[in-house]
Amino acid sequence: MAAREYLEEVEALRVTLSAIEQVLNLPKLREDFAKLEAEASVPNLWDDPEKAQVVTSKLSRVQATLNRSTIIRRRLEDIPLLIELANEEKDQGALTDAASELDDVTKAIKDLEVQTLLNGQYDDRDCLMTIRSEAGGVEAADWAQMLMRMYLRYCERHSLKVDVLETSYAEEAGIKSTTFRISAPYAYGTLSVEQGTHRLVRISPFDSQSRRHTSFAGVEVVPVVEQSDHIEIDEKEIRVDVYRSSGPGGQGVNTTDSAVRITHIPTGIVVSCQNERSQIQNKATAMAVLQSKLLERRRQEERARIDALKGDNTGSWGNQMRSYVLAPYQMVKDLRTDFEVGNPAAVLDGDIDGFIEAGIKWRKSSSQ
């Protein structure tokens, strides 16, 4: 590629980045950062741990967005200099490095552009992801565990903090369910498009006749509640059960009955937590998960009312949304966006960025 083509590409990226910076409203973000930084510096901030958590979380999210856009802008402005030096010295290796940097910055700008589509009420928050095995017996339990690994690998690839709150293992193989918290700016907005039923078609490793089986697992994604959400839970409306934590094959994780299961009687929502060492800690975490699920339920009810007024009869997020076919051919296809790839192994190893980007764009266009 000639130097002129490089520079034209850089100029096009400058235009795109400037448009993104306008949408992000960097001056307001800087104002928000200064205000939140001042609040976070108050000596007695942690006298109210819940308020402190809200302030520090918002500060982290704003700072991450500012740092991300600043670093991308700096890298983009450095590329013409790298190209100029490479051309002056006729250094093909340096030019190759500059091209690689240009490719990386192009992807970074594309990712930042996708983030600008995440402007929902809760999109910038952390999220709770729950995966459950559905129809398919032991196949479905194994499939649910494969999905769990896929999302954990995705988080690992993107350096996202994950806390596994509860995992219920199936008797023969796989899991009945798992819930984990993903802590990162825009975690909910990004991963909420993964909600729905995931379908797997493969030659069953549990079938002695090696027949093809279809199994299903459900993914639920909810935003983490904050102090300002006002989700009140009446103690009379919940049932709390305690039990002994366990791992695969019944291996003991804790020798006391410290795991907690909470049932919200009016809605039938059940949440569990077993990752903490004490019953009190597990109950507090389980209550936080319940609040998040009730918040999402309220959001969905509000959306349903609005859709009813608009006459919107589109399908629910809970419907089947993606197929993973391992036999007789290899393909993963999103049934909402039609985005597909022919390498299921990479997808199941956490390479789902294309599906998430397509899902975010699809959701944005569907809401307009």
Protein backbone atom coordinates (compact mmCIF):
# COMPACT_ATOMS: atom_id res chain seq x y z
CA MET A 1 0.00 0.00 0.00
CA ALA A 2 1.41 3.41 -0.97
CA ALA A 3 2.03 6.15 1.62
CA ARG A 4 -0.75 8.28 0.15
CA GLU A 5 -3.29 5.51 0.67
CA TYR A 6 -2.19 5.14 4.27
CA LEU A 7 -2.66 8.85 4.87
CA GLU A 8 -6.07 8.87 3.20
CA GLU A 9 -7.11 6.05 5.48
CA VAL A 10 -5.86 7.97 8.51
CA GLU A 11 -7.80 11.06 7.42
CA ALA A 12 -11.01 9.02 7.07
CA LEU A 13 -10.46 7.63 10.57
CA ARG A 14 -9.98 11.16 11.91
CA VAL A 15 -13.41 12.12 10.58
CA THR A 16 -14.99 9.02 12.11
CA LEU A 17 -13.28 9.53 15.47
CA SER A 18 -14.34 13.20 15.60
CA ALA A 19 -17.96 12.14 15.04
CA ILE A 20 -17.66 9.54 17.81
CA GLU A 21 -16.17 12.12 20.20
CA GLN A 22 -19.16 14.38 19.53
CA VAL A 23 -21.60 11.60 20.36
CA LEU A 24 -19.67 10.76 23.54
CA ASN A 25 -19.74 14.48 24.47
CA LEU A 26 -16.19 14.58 25.87
CA PRO A 27 -16.57 18.03 27.52
CA LYS A 28 -19.50 16.74 29.59
CA LEU A 29 -17.63 13.54 30.40
CA ARG A 30 -14.72 15.63 31.70
CA GLU A 31 -17.13 17.66 33.83
CA ASP A 32 -18.69 14.46 35.18
CA PHE A 33 -15.23 13.07 35.90
CA ALA A 34 -14.19 16.17 37.88
CA LYS A 35 -17.43 16.08 39.89
CA LEU A 36 -17.20 12.35 40.63
CA GLU A 37 -13.50 12.63 41.50
CA ALA A 38 -14.36 15.33 44.03
CA GLU A 39 -17.09 13.14 45.53
CA ALA A 40 -14.71 10.18 45.69
CA SER A 41 -12.15 12.30 47.55
CA VAL A 42 -14.47 13.10 50.47
CA PRO A 43 -12.79 11.61 53.60
CA ASN A 44 -15.95 10.02 55.00
CA LEU A 45 -17.17 8.63 51.67
CA TRP A 46 -16.97 5.01 52.84
CA ASP A 47 -19.10 5.71 55.90
CA ASP A 48 -21.91 4.90 53.46
CA PRO A 49 -20.55 1.87 51.54
CA GLU A 50 -23.49 1.67 49.09
CA LYS A 51 -23.15 5.33 48.06
CA ALA A 52 -19.36 4.94 47.85
CA GLN A 53 -19.77 1.96 45.54
CA VAL A 54 -22.08 3.94 43.23
CA VAL A 55 -19.68 6.91 43.10
CA THR A 56 -16.56 4.84 42.50
CA SER A 57 -18.29 2.68 39.87
CA LYS A 58 -19.48 5.73 37.92
CA LEU A 59 -16.04 7.32 38.26
CA SER A 60 -14.42 4.17 36.90
CA ARG A 61 -16.77 4.02 33.92
CA VAL A 62 -16.33 7.70 32.99
CA GLN A 63 -12.56 7.51 33.41
CA ALA A 64 -12.38 4.35 31.27
CA THR A 65 -14.29 6.04 28.42
CA LEU A 66 -12.15 9.20 28.59
CA ASN A 67 -8.90 7.22 28.70
CA ARG A 68 -10.01 5.00 25.84
CA SER A 69 -10.87 7.88 23.52
CA THR A 70 -7.72 9.82 24.47
CA ILE A 71 -5.42 6.86 23.81
CA ILE A 72 -7.08 6.11 20.47
CA ARG A 73 -6.76 9.75 19.40
CA ARG A 74 -3.07 9.81 20.37
CA ARG A 75 -2.33 6.56 18.54
CA LEU A 76 -4.13 7.77 15.42
CA GLU A 77 -2.17 11.04 15.35
CA ASP A 78 1.13 9.15 15.72
CA ILE A 79 0.57 6.95 12.65
CA PRO A 80 1.42 9.58 9.95
CA LEU A 81 4.75 10.19 11.70
CA LEU A 82 5.50 6.46 11.76
CA ILE A 83 4.72 6.23 8.04
CA GLU A 84 6.82 9.28 7.22
CA LEU A 85 9.85 7.93 9.10
CA ALA A 86 9.49 4.52 7.47
CA ASN A 87 9.36 6.07 4.00
CA GLU A 88 12.33 8.37 4.62
CA GLU A 89 14.47 5.48 5.80
CA LYS A 90 13.01 3.07 3.20
CA ASP A 91 12.43 0.65 6.06
CA GLN A 92 9.89 -1.93 4.93
CA GLY A 93 9.76 -3.51 8.40
CA ALA A 94 8.87 -0.16 9.98
CA LEU A 95 6.20 0.39 7.31
CA THR A 96 4.74 -3.03 8.07
CA ASP A 97 4.64 -2.12 11.77
CA ALA A 98 2.88 1.16 10.92
CA ALA A 99 0.31 -0.74 8.84
CA SER A 100 -0.29 -3.12 11.73
CA GLU A 101 -0.79 -0.20 14.09
CA LEU A 102 -3.23 1.35 11.62
CA ASP A 103 -5.21 -1.91 11.55
CA ASP A 104 -5.29 -2.03 15.36
CA VAL A 105 -6.44 1.60 15.64
CA THR A 106 -9.10 1.01 12.98
CA LYS A 107 -10.51 -1.85 15.07
CA ALA A 108 -10.31 0.23 18.26
CA ILE A 109 -12.26 3.06 16.60
CA LYS A 110 -14.83 0.58 15.30
CA ASP A 111 -15.26 -0.85 18.82
CA LEU A 112 -15.62 2.65 20.28
CA GLU A 113 -18.22 3.46 17.61
CA VAL A 114 -20.23 0.42 18.69
CA GLN A 115 -20.06 1.67 22.30
CA THR A 116 -21.80 4.90 21.25
CA LEU A 117 -24.84 2.74 20.41
CA LEU A 118 -25.03 1.67 24.06
CA ASN A 119 -27.12 4.55 25.39
CA GLY A 120 -29.87 2.61 27.19
CA GLN A 121 -30.78 3.42 30.77
CA TYR A 122 -28.62 0.66 32.25
CA ASP A 123 -26.18 -0.02 29.40
CA ASP A 124 -23.10 1.38 31.16
CA ARG A 125 -23.47 -0.90 34.19
CA ASP A 126 -21.95 -4.18 35.32
CA CYS A 127 -24.14 -7.20 34.58
CA LEU A 128 -25.20 -10.54 35.98
CA MET A 129 -25.28 -13.43 33.53
CA THR A 130 -27.23 -16.61 34.29
CA ILE A 131 -26.97 -19.72 32.11
CA ARG A 132 -29.46 -22.60 32.51
CA SER A 133 -29.73 -25.96 30.83
CA GLU A 134 -33.07 -26.42 29.08
CA ALA A 135 -34.45 -29.20 26.87
CA GLY A 136 -32.01 -32.02 26.16
CA GLY A 137 -31.20 -33.77 29.43
CA VAL A 138 -27.50 -34.48 30.01
CA GLU A 139 -26.75 -32.99 26.58
CA ALA A 140 -28.29 -29.69 27.66
CA ALA A 141 -26.36 -29.69 30.93
CA ASP A 142 -23.11 -30.23 29.05
CA TRP A 143 -24.12 -27.50 26.55
CA ALA A 144 -24.80 -25.06 29.40
CA GLN A 145 -21.28 -25.66 30.72
CA MET A 146 -19.84 -25.14 27.22
CA LEU A 147 -21.64 -21.78 27.06
CA MET A 148 -20.32 -20.86 30.49
CA ARG A 149 -16.79 -21.54 29.27
CA MET A 150 -17.43 -19.53 26.09
CA TYR A 151 -18.45 -16.42 28.03
CA LEU A 152 -15.66 -16.80 30.59
CA ARG A 153 -13.15 -17.08 27.73
CA TYR A 154 -14.69 -13.97 26.12
CA CYS A 155 -14.23 -12.08 29.39
CA GLU A 156 -10.66 -13.35 29.68
CA ARG A 157 -9.88 -12.18 26.13
CA HIS A 158 -11.14 -8.69 27.00
CA SER A 159 -9.66 -8.57 30.53
CA LEU A 160 -13.10 -8.26 32.13
CA LYS A 161 -13.43 -8.99 35.85
CA VAL A 162 -15.67 -12.00 36.57
CA ASP A 163 -17.02 -13.27 39.89
CA VAL A 164 -18.82 -16.63 39.77
CA LEU A 165 -21.60 -16.39 42.35
CA GLU A 166 -23.17 -19.82 42.06
CA THR A 167 -22.91 -22.98 39.99
CA SER A 168 -25.27 -25.94 40.27
CA TYR A 169 -23.67 -29.04 38.76
CA ALA A 170 -25.67 -31.76 37.04
CA GLU A 171 -25.35 -35.36 38.22
CA GLU A 172 -23.86 -36.95 35.11
CA ALA A 173 -22.08 -34.07 33.35
CA GLY A 174 -22.27 -30.34 32.87
CA ILE A 175 -24.28 -27.83 34.92
CA LYS A 176 -27.90 -27.13 35.71
CA SER A 177 -27.21 -23.42 36.08
CA THR A 178 -24.61 -20.79 36.89
CA THR A 179 -24.65 -17.08 37.69
CA PHE A 180 -21.67 -14.77 37.46
CA ARG A 181 -21.08 -11.02 37.66
CA ILE A 182 -19.13 -9.25 34.93
CA SER A 183 -17.63 -5.97 36.10
CA ALA A 184 -16.64 -3.55 33.34
CA PRO A 185 -17.91 -0.32 31.78
CA TYR A 186 -20.87 -1.11 29.47
CA ALA A 187 -20.86 -4.79 30.43
CA TYR A 188 -24.67 -4.91 30.49
CA GLY A 189 -25.18 -3.00 27.24
CA THR A 190 -22.61 -5.16 25.48
CA LEU A 191 -23.69 -8.58 26.72
CA SER A 192 -27.45 -8.06 26.98
CA VAL A 193 -27.71 -8.95 23.27
CA GLU A 194 -26.62 -12.48 24.22
CA GLN A 195 -29.86 -13.06 26.11
CA GLY A 196 -32.08 -15.79 24.73
CA THR A 197 -32.08 -19.49 23.91
CA HIS A 198 -28.94 -21.00 22.37
CA ARG A 199 -29.33 -24.23 20.34
CA LEU A 200 -26.61 -26.84 19.81
CA VAL A 201 -26.62 -29.58 17.17
CA ARG A 202 -23.84 -32.19 17.36
CA ILE A 203 -22.92 -35.86 17.49
CA SER A 204 -23.54 -36.65 21.13
CA PRO A 205 -20.50 -37.77 23.16
CA PHE A 206 -23.01 -39.36 25.55
CA ASP A 207 -24.72 -41.52 22.90
CA SER A 208 -23.14 -44.96 22.42
CA GLN A 209 -24.58 -45.04 18.87
CA SER A 210 -23.04 -41.63 18.02
CA ARG A 211 -26.33 -40.12 16.92
CA ARG A 212 -26.92 -36.44 16.31
CA HIS A 213 -28.63 -34.60 19.16
CA THR A 214 -30.15 -31.13 19.61
CA SER A 215 -29.99 -29.42 22.99
CA PHE A 216 -30.88 -26.01 24.39
CA ALA A 217 -29.57 -23.63 27.04
CA GLY A 218 -30.95 -20.28 28.13
CA VAL A 219 -28.91 -17.14 28.79
CA GLU A 220 -30.26 -14.33 30.96
CA VAL A 221 -28.43 -10.99 31.35
CA VAL A 222 -29.53 -8.33 33.86
CA PRO A 223 -27.96 -5.03 34.98
CA VAL A 224 -26.51 -4.78 38.48
CA VAL A 225 -28.69 -2.64 40.74
CA GLU A 226 -27.46 0.61 42.22
CA GLN A 227 -28.58 2.53 45.27
CA SER A 228 -30.73 4.87 43.18
CA ASP A 229 -32.86 2.04 41.73
CA HIS A 230 -35.18 1.76 44.76
CA ILE A 231 -35.97 -1.94 44.50
CA GLU A 232 -37.71 -2.69 47.78
CA ILE A 233 -38.05 -6.33 48.84
CA ASP A 234 -40.43 -7.21 51.66
CA GLU A 235 -38.87 -9.87 53.92
CA LYS A 236 -42.33 -11.47 54.16
CA GLU A 237 -42.26 -12.08 50.39
CA ILE A 238 -39.07 -14.16 50.36
CA ARG A 239 -38.14 -17.64 51.53
CA VAL A 240 -34.50 -18.23 52.50
CA ASP A 241 -33.05 -21.75 52.42
CA VAL A 242 -29.51 -22.66 53.44
CA TYR A 243 -27.58 -25.68 52.25
CA ARG A 244 -24.04 -27.01 51.93
CA SER A 245 -21.99 -25.72 49.01
CA SER A 246 -20.79 -28.37 46.58
CA GLY A 247 -18.62 -28.70 43.53
CA PRO A 248 -18.35 -31.20 40.66
CA GLY A 249 -19.06 -34.78 41.70
CA GLY A 250 -20.29 -33.70 45.11
CA GLN A 251 -16.88 -32.45 46.21
CA GLY A 252 -17.29 -30.27 49.30
CA VAL A 253 -16.46 -26.61 48.90
CA ASN A 254 -17.48 -25.71 52.42
CA THR A 255 -18.13 -27.94 55.42
CA THR A 256 -20.93 -25.74 56.79
CA ASP A 257 -24.41 -24.91 55.51
CA SER A 258 -23.32 -21.51 54.22
CA ALA A 259 -24.85 -21.51 50.71
CA VAL A 260 -28.06 -19.52 50.44
CA ARG A 261 -31.07 -19.87 48.14
CA ILE A 262 -33.69 -17.10 48.10
CA THR A 263 -37.14 -17.52 46.55
CA HIS A 264 -39.16 -14.39 45.79
CA ILE A 265 -42.67 -15.75 46.34
CA PRO A 266 -44.73 -13.22 44.31
CA THR A 267 -42.68 -13.72 41.13
CA GLY A 268 -41.24 -17.19 41.65
CA ILE A 269 -37.71 -15.90 41.00
CA VAL A 270 -35.06 -18.08 42.67
CA VAL A 271 -31.44 -17.00 43.20
CA SER A 272 -28.53 -18.72 44.92
CA CYS A 273 -25.04 -17.85 46.11
CA GLN A 274 -22.34 -20.13 47.44
CA ASN A 275 -19.05 -18.39 46.63
CA GLU A 276 -18.66 -16.55 49.96
CA ARG A 277 -17.37 -18.17 53.12
CA SER A 278 -20.22 -17.14 55.41
CA GLN A 279 -23.98 -17.48 55.28
CA ILE A 280 -24.40 -13.73 55.94
CA GLN A 281 -22.20 -12.80 52.98
CA ASN A 282 -23.93 -15.28 50.70
CA LYS A 283 -27.35 -13.94 51.70
CA ALA A 284 -26.26 -10.34 51.01
CA THR A 285 -24.94 -11.30 47.57
CA ALA A 286 -28.05 -13.35 46.77
CA MET A 287 -30.26 -10.40 47.75
CA ALA A 288 -28.29 -8.16 45.39
CA VAL A 289 -28.79 -10.67 42.56
CA LEU A 290 -32.53 -10.83 43.35
CA GLN A 291 -32.74 -7.02 43.23
CA SER A 292 -31.08 -7.04 39.80
CA LYS A 293 -33.52 -9.63 38.48
CA LEU A 294 -36.49 -7.69 39.86
CA LEU A 295 -35.12 -4.50 38.28
CA GLU A 296 -34.88 -6.26 34.91
CA ARG A 297 -38.39 -7.64 35.35
CA ARG A 298 -39.67 -4.11 35.99
CA ARG A 299 -37.80 -2.82 32.93
CA GLN A 300 -39.29 -5.55 30.74
CA GLU A 301 -42.80 -4.84 32.03
CA GLU A 302 -42.36 -1.13 31.25
CA ARG A 303 -41.07 -2.00 27.79
CA ALA A 304 -44.01 -4.37 27.21
CA ARG A 305 -46.46 -1.61 28.08
CA ILE A 306 -44.74 0.77 25.66
CA ASP A 307 -44.65 -1.89 22.92
CA ALA A 308 -48.35 -2.57 23.46
CA LEU A 309 -49.11 1.13 22.97
CA LYS A 310 -46.95 1.16 19.83
CA GLY A 311 -48.53 -2.03 18.53
CA ASP A 312 -45.12 -3.74 18.59
CA ASN A 313 -45.49 -7.51 18.26
CA THR A 314 -41.84 -8.46 17.71
CA GLY A 315 -40.51 -11.65 19.26
CA SER A 316 -39.29 -11.91 22.81
CA TRP A 317 -35.59 -11.95 23.73
CA GLY A 318 -36.34 -15.28 25.34
CA ASN A 319 -36.91 -16.93 21.95
CA GLN A 320 -34.26 -19.00 20.21
CA MET A 321 -31.62 -16.56 18.99
CA ARG A 322 -28.57 -18.54 17.88
CA SER A 323 -27.75 -21.98 16.46
CA TYR A 324 -24.41 -23.74 16.88
CA VAL A 325 -24.10 -26.64 14.42
CA LEU A 326 -21.14 -29.00 14.84
CA ALA A 327 -22.49 -31.83 12.65
CA PRO A 328 -23.11 -32.63 9.83
CA TYR A 329 -21.53 -29.26 8.91
CA GLN A 330 -19.81 -26.50 10.90
CA MET A 331 -21.61 -23.20 11.43
CA VAL A 332 -22.77 -20.73 14.07
CA LYS A 333 -25.61 -18.44 12.99
CA ASP A 334 -27.49 -15.68 14.78
CA LEU A 335 -31.15 -15.99 13.88
CA ARG A 336 -31.90 -12.29 14.50
CA THR A 337 -29.05 -10.66 12.59
CA ASP A 338 -28.16 -13.47 10.13
CA PHE A 339 -24.53 -13.01 11.15
CA GLU A 340 -22.74 -16.35 10.81
CA VAL A 341 -19.29 -17.91 10.93
CA GLY A 342 -18.00 -21.32 9.84
CA ASN A 343 -15.64 -21.87 12.78
CA PRO A 344 -17.62 -23.02 15.85
CA ALA A 345 -14.43 -23.95 17.71
CA ALA A 346 -13.27 -20.33 17.73
CA VAL A 347 -16.71 -19.11 18.80
CA LEU A 348 -16.89 -21.61 21.66
CA ASP A 349 -13.44 -20.42 22.70
CA GLY A 350 -14.84 -16.92 23.27
CA ASP A 351 -14.49 -15.31 19.84
CA ILE A 352 -18.00 -13.81 19.81
CA ASP A 353 -17.19 -10.14 19.10
CA GLY A 354 -18.77 -10.28 15.64
CA PHE A 355 -22.03 -11.65 17.04
CA ILE A 356 -22.13 -9.03 19.81
CA GLU A 357 -21.44 -6.14 17.42
CA ALA A 358 -24.10 -7.37 15.00
CA GLY A 359 -26.55 -7.80 17.88
CA ILE A 360 -25.98 -4.28 19.20
CA LYS A 361 -26.52 -2.77 15.74
CA TRP A 362 -29.60 -4.94 15.18
CA ARG A 363 -31.09 -3.89 18.51
CA LYS A 364 -30.44 -0.21 17.76
CA SER A 365 -32.09 -0.42 14.33
CA SER A 366 -35.04 -2.39 15.74
CA SER A 367 -35.73 0.28 18.36
CA GLN A 368 -35.87 3.14 15.87
